[in-house]
Amino acid sequence: MVSAGICFGARTDLVVIDRGSLTADRYIGEVLEENFVLFSPYTGDDLVFMQNNARPHTARVTQAYLNDMNITVTEWPARSPDMNPIGHVWDLLKRKVESRIPAPANVGELRIAVVLEWRRLSQETIDICPAICLNG
């Protein structure tokens, strides 16, 4: 599993969770505390955090943590047909990893490829990614 945050003009590092399942405690510790909370001061005062309805995201402990950190979370209806804006970036990242020659041959190579391709994505590409993905 990978996780990252984007906004216009900035992004977080890519977090790769490659061992065990993602619990609410791991989500808070490995994704939110180590990545997002450090990034959020750079996004401005009008930040609204968007995440999907995965169990670690909706767990009471996660909601309490976000509330304690004064992070506004957008309401995201279950089974929403709308795509989270980062979904376009995931699509582009997936296409870039799939087009690598040679293709990753195992999980370790896949992890390296995903991280490298994330780093290669320019911020400009991330900023306009919905238009790229929908039109190209």
C-alpha atoms as a PDB file:
ATOM      1  CA  MET A   1       0.000   0.000   0.000  1.00  0.00           C
ATOM      2  CA  VAL A   2       1.199   3.504  -0.739  1.00  0.00           C
ATOM      3  CA  SER A   3       0.059   6.822   0.621  1.00  0.00           C
ATOM      4  CA  ALA A   4       0.846  10.425  -0.191  1.00  0.00           C
ATOM      5  CA  GLY A   5      -0.699  13.858  -0.016  1.00  0.00           C
ATOM      6  CA  ILE A   6      -1.001  16.473  -2.718  1.00  0.00           C
ATOM      7  CA  CYS A   7      -2.166  20.038  -2.998  1.00  0.00           C
ATOM      8  CA  PHE A   8      -1.634  22.700  -5.587  1.00  0.00           C
ATOM      9  CA  GLY A   9       2.053  23.536  -5.477  1.00  0.00           C
ATOM     10  CA  ALA A  10       3.195  20.872  -3.022  1.00  0.00           C
ATOM     11  CA  ARG A  11       3.157  17.194  -2.121  1.00  0.00           C
ATOM     12  CA  THR A  12       4.297  14.855   0.603  1.00  0.00           C
ATOM     13  CA  ASP A  13       6.806  12.080   0.297  1.00  0.00           C
ATOM     14  CA  LEU A  14       5.446   8.727  -0.738  1.00  0.00           C
ATOM     15  CA  VAL A  15       4.842   6.359   2.187  1.00  0.00           C
ATOM     16  CA  VAL A  16       5.087   2.658   1.386  1.00  0.00           C
ATOM     17  CA  ILE A  17       3.419   0.258   3.806  1.00  0.00           C
ATOM     18  CA  ASP A  18       4.716  -3.122   2.689  1.00  0.00           C
ATOM     19  CA  ARG A  19       4.454  -5.287   5.769  1.00  0.00           C
ATOM     20  CA  GLY A  20       1.334  -6.307   7.611  1.00  0.00           C
ATOM     21  CA  SER A  21      -2.020  -4.628   7.449  1.00  0.00           C
ATOM     22  CA  LEU A  22      -2.647  -0.942   7.922  1.00  0.00           C
ATOM     23  CA  THR A  23      -4.360  -0.372  11.255  1.00  0.00           C
ATOM     24  CA  ALA A  24      -5.612   2.963  12.557  1.00  0.00           C
ATOM     25  CA  ASP A  25      -2.606   3.180  14.889  1.00  0.00           C
ATOM     26  CA  ARG A  26      -0.191   2.535  12.013  1.00  0.00           C
ATOM     27  CA  TYR A  27      -2.053   5.046   9.840  1.00  0.00           C
ATOM     28  CA  ILE A  28      -1.684   7.707  12.521  1.00  0.00           C
ATOM     29  CA  GLY A  29       1.957   6.894  13.254  1.00  0.00           C
ATOM     30  CA  GLU A  30       3.379   6.052   9.841  1.00  0.00           C
ATOM     31  CA  VAL A  31       1.269   8.213   7.540  1.00  0.00           C
ATOM     32  CA  LEU A  32      -0.228  11.120   9.446  1.00  0.00           C
ATOM     33  CA  GLU A  33       2.437  11.877  12.064  1.00  0.00           C
ATOM     34  CA  GLU A  34       5.503  11.061   9.973  1.00  0.00           C
ATOM     35  CA  ASN A  35       4.287  12.641   6.762  1.00  0.00           C
ATOM     36  CA  PHE A  36       1.090  14.655   6.638  1.00  0.00           C
ATOM     37  CA  VAL A  37       1.333  16.603   9.907  1.00  0.00           C
ATOM     38  CA  LEU A  38       4.863  17.708   8.982  1.00  0.00           C
ATOM     39  CA  PHE A  39       3.588  18.793   5.558  1.00  0.00           C
ATOM     40  CA  SER A  40       0.366  20.546   6.613  1.00  0.00           C
ATOM     41  CA  PRO A  41       1.935  23.854   7.779  1.00  0.00           C
ATOM     42  CA  TYR A  42       3.060  24.453   4.179  1.00  0.00           C
ATOM     43  CA  THR A  43      -0.461  24.189   2.774  1.00  0.00           C
ATOM     44  CA  GLY A  44      -1.995  27.275   4.383  1.00  0.00           C
ATOM     45  CA  ASP A  45      -4.721  27.977   6.905  1.00  0.00           C
ATOM     46  CA  ASP A  46      -7.590  26.860   4.668  1.00  0.00           C
ATOM     47  CA  LEU A  47      -6.424  23.241   4.448  1.00  0.00           C
ATOM     48  CA  VAL A  48      -9.191  20.662   4.194  1.00  0.00           C
ATOM     49  CA  PHE A  49      -7.918  17.099   4.471  1.00  0.00           C
ATOM     50  CA  MET A  50      -9.428  14.505   2.143  1.00  0.00           C
ATOM     51  CA  GLN A  51      -9.147  10.787   2.664  1.00  0.00           C
ATOM     52  CA  ASN A  52     -11.302   7.875   1.607  1.00  0.00           C
ATOM     53  CA  ASN A  53     -13.442   5.747   3.895  1.00  0.00           C
ATOM     54  CA  ALA A  54     -10.911   2.995   4.569  1.00  0.00           C
ATOM     55  CA  ARG A  55     -11.293   1.634   8.085  1.00  0.00           C
ATOM     56  CA  PRO A  56      -8.025   3.126   9.386  1.00  0.00           C
ATOM     57  CA  HIS A  57      -9.245   6.537   8.155  1.00  0.00           C
ATOM     58  CA  THR A  58     -12.661   6.338   9.768  1.00  0.00           C
ATOM     59  CA  ALA A  59     -11.624   4.720  13.048  1.00  0.00           C
ATOM     60  CA  ARG A  60     -12.558   6.665  16.179  1.00  0.00           C
ATOM     61  CA  VAL A  61      -8.910   6.944  17.216  1.00  0.00           C
ATOM     62  CA  THR A  62      -8.023   8.469  13.829  1.00  0.00           C
ATOM     63  CA  GLN A  63     -10.932  10.893  13.939  1.00  0.00           C
ATOM     64  CA  ALA A  64      -9.966  11.910  17.492  1.00  0.00           C
ATOM     65  CA  TYR A  65      -6.355  12.426  16.431  1.00  0.00           C
ATOM     66  CA  LEU A  66      -7.328  14.628  13.475  1.00  0.00           C
ATOM     67  CA  ASN A  67      -9.698  16.595  15.707  1.00  0.00           C
ATOM     68  CA  ASP A  68      -6.975  17.060  18.348  1.00  0.00           C
ATOM     69  CA  MET A  69      -4.617  18.319  15.618  1.00  0.00           C
ATOM     70  CA  ASN A  70      -7.327  20.777  14.407  1.00  0.00           C
ATOM     71  CA  ILE A  71      -7.303  19.224  10.941  1.00  0.00           C
ATOM     72  CA  THR A  72     -10.555  19.762   9.056  1.00  0.00           C
ATOM     73  CA  VAL A  73     -11.588  16.611   7.206  1.00  0.00           C
ATOM     74  CA  THR A  74     -13.895  16.772   4.218  1.00  0.00           C
ATOM     75  CA  GLU A  75     -17.010  14.630   4.367  1.00  0.00           C
ATOM     76  CA  TRP A  76     -16.643  11.758   1.936  1.00  0.00           C
ATOM     77  CA  PRO A  77     -19.775   9.666   1.355  1.00  0.00           C
ATOM     78  CA  ALA A  78     -19.423   5.888   1.342  1.00  0.00           C
ATOM     79  CA  ARG A  79     -19.198   4.393  -2.146  1.00  0.00           C
ATOM     80  CA  SER A  80     -18.897   7.862  -3.653  1.00  0.00           C
ATOM     81  CA  PRO A  81     -18.609   7.782  -7.446  1.00  0.00           C
ATOM     82  CA  ASP A  82     -16.486  10.939  -7.326  1.00  0.00           C
ATOM     83  CA  MET A  83     -12.768  10.451  -7.627  1.00  0.00           C
ATOM     84  CA  ASN A  84     -10.505  11.862  -4.969  1.00  0.00           C
ATOM     85  CA  PRO A  85      -8.110  14.232  -6.837  1.00  0.00           C
ATOM     86  CA  ILE A  86      -5.109  12.102  -5.919  1.00  0.00           C
ATOM     87  CA  GLY A  87      -6.759   9.225  -7.779  1.00  0.00           C
ATOM     88  CA  HIS A  88      -5.637  10.864 -11.014  1.00  0.00           C
ATOM     89  CA  VAL A  89      -2.063  10.977  -9.731  1.00  0.00           C
ATOM     90  CA  TRP A  90      -2.245   7.300  -8.712  1.00  0.00           C
ATOM     91  CA  ASP A  91      -3.439   6.466 -12.224  1.00  0.00           C
ATOM     92  CA  LEU A  92      -0.531   8.342 -13.789  1.00  0.00           C
ATOM     93  CA  LEU A  93       1.961   6.770 -11.369  1.00  0.00           C
ATOM     94  CA  LYS A  94       0.601   3.303 -12.146  1.00  0.00           C
ATOM     95  CA  ARG A  95       0.976   3.882 -15.897  1.00  0.00           C
ATOM     96  CA  LYS A  96       4.567   5.071 -15.433  1.00  0.00           C
ATOM     97  CA  VAL A  97       5.486   2.009 -13.341  1.00  0.00           C
ATOM     98  CA  GLU A  98       3.778  -0.340 -15.814  1.00  0.00           C
ATOM     99  CA  SER A  99       5.692   1.182 -18.740  1.00  0.00           C
ATOM    100  CA  ARG A 100       9.128   0.598 -17.164  1.00  0.00           C
ATOM    101  CA  ILE A 101      11.484  -1.610 -19.137  1.00  0.00           C
ATOM    102  CA  PRO A 102      12.312  -4.016 -17.718  1.00  0.00           C
ATOM    103  CA  ALA A 103       9.180  -4.329 -15.627  1.00  0.00           C
ATOM    104  CA  PRO A 104       9.633  -4.862 -11.886  1.00  0.00           C
ATOM    105  CA  ALA A 105      10.082  -8.598 -11.347  1.00  0.00           C
ATOM    106  CA  ASN A 106       9.269  -8.801  -7.636  1.00  0.00           C
ATOM    107  CA  VAL A 107       7.828  -6.829  -4.745  1.00  0.00           C
ATOM    108  CA  GLY A 108      11.181  -5.257  -3.864  1.00  0.00           C
ATOM    109  CA  GLU A 109      11.700  -3.996  -7.418  1.00  0.00           C
ATOM    110  CA  LEU A 110       8.112  -2.766  -7.527  1.00  0.00           C
ATOM    111  CA  ARG A 111       8.639  -0.781  -4.318  1.00  0.00           C
ATOM    112  CA  ILE A 112      11.775   0.837  -5.763  1.00  0.00           C
ATOM    113  CA  ALA A 113      10.034   1.602  -9.069  1.00  0.00           C
ATOM    114  CA  VAL A 114       7.034   3.240  -7.381  1.00  0.00           C
ATOM    115  CA  VAL A 115       9.239   5.433  -5.190  1.00  0.00           C
ATOM    116  CA  LEU A 116      11.463   6.443  -8.137  1.00  0.00           C
ATOM    117  CA  GLU A 117       8.519   7.270 -10.382  1.00  0.00           C
ATOM    118  CA  TRP A 118       6.894   9.313  -7.579  1.00  0.00           C
ATOM    119  CA  ARG A 119      10.088  11.337  -7.228  1.00  0.00           C
ATOM    120  CA  ARG A 120      10.275  11.839 -11.006  1.00  0.00           C
ATOM    121  CA  LEU A 121       6.775  13.302 -11.224  1.00  0.00           C
ATOM    122  CA  SER A 122       7.129  17.059 -11.457  1.00  0.00           C
ATOM    123  CA  GLN A 123       4.974  19.232  -9.238  1.00  0.00           C
ATOM    124  CA  GLU A 124       3.606  20.858 -12.384  1.00  0.00           C
ATOM    125  CA  THR A 125       2.439  17.450 -13.597  1.00  0.00           C
ATOM    126  CA  ILE A 126       0.759  16.761 -10.257  1.00  0.00           C
ATOM    127  CA  ASP A 127      -0.927  20.179 -10.334  1.00  0.00           C
ATOM    128  CA  ILE A 128      -2.440  19.536 -13.779  1.00  0.00           C
ATOM    129  CA  CYS A 129      -2.811  15.750 -13.443  1.00  0.00           C
ATOM    130  CA  PRO A 130      -6.646  15.665 -13.566  1.00  0.00           C
ATOM    131  CA  ALA A 131      -6.553  17.309 -17.001  1.00  0.00           C
ATOM    132  CA  ILE A 132      -3.778  14.974 -18.211  1.00  0.00           C
ATOM    133  CA  CYS A 133      -5.544  11.842 -16.977  1.00  0.00           C
ATOM    134  CA  LEU A 134      -8.948  12.801 -18.271  1.00  0.00           C
ATOM    135  CA  ASN A 135      -7.743  13.978 -21.670  1.00  0.00           C
ATOM    136  CA  GLY A 136      -4.710  11.904 -22.414  1.00  0.00           C
END
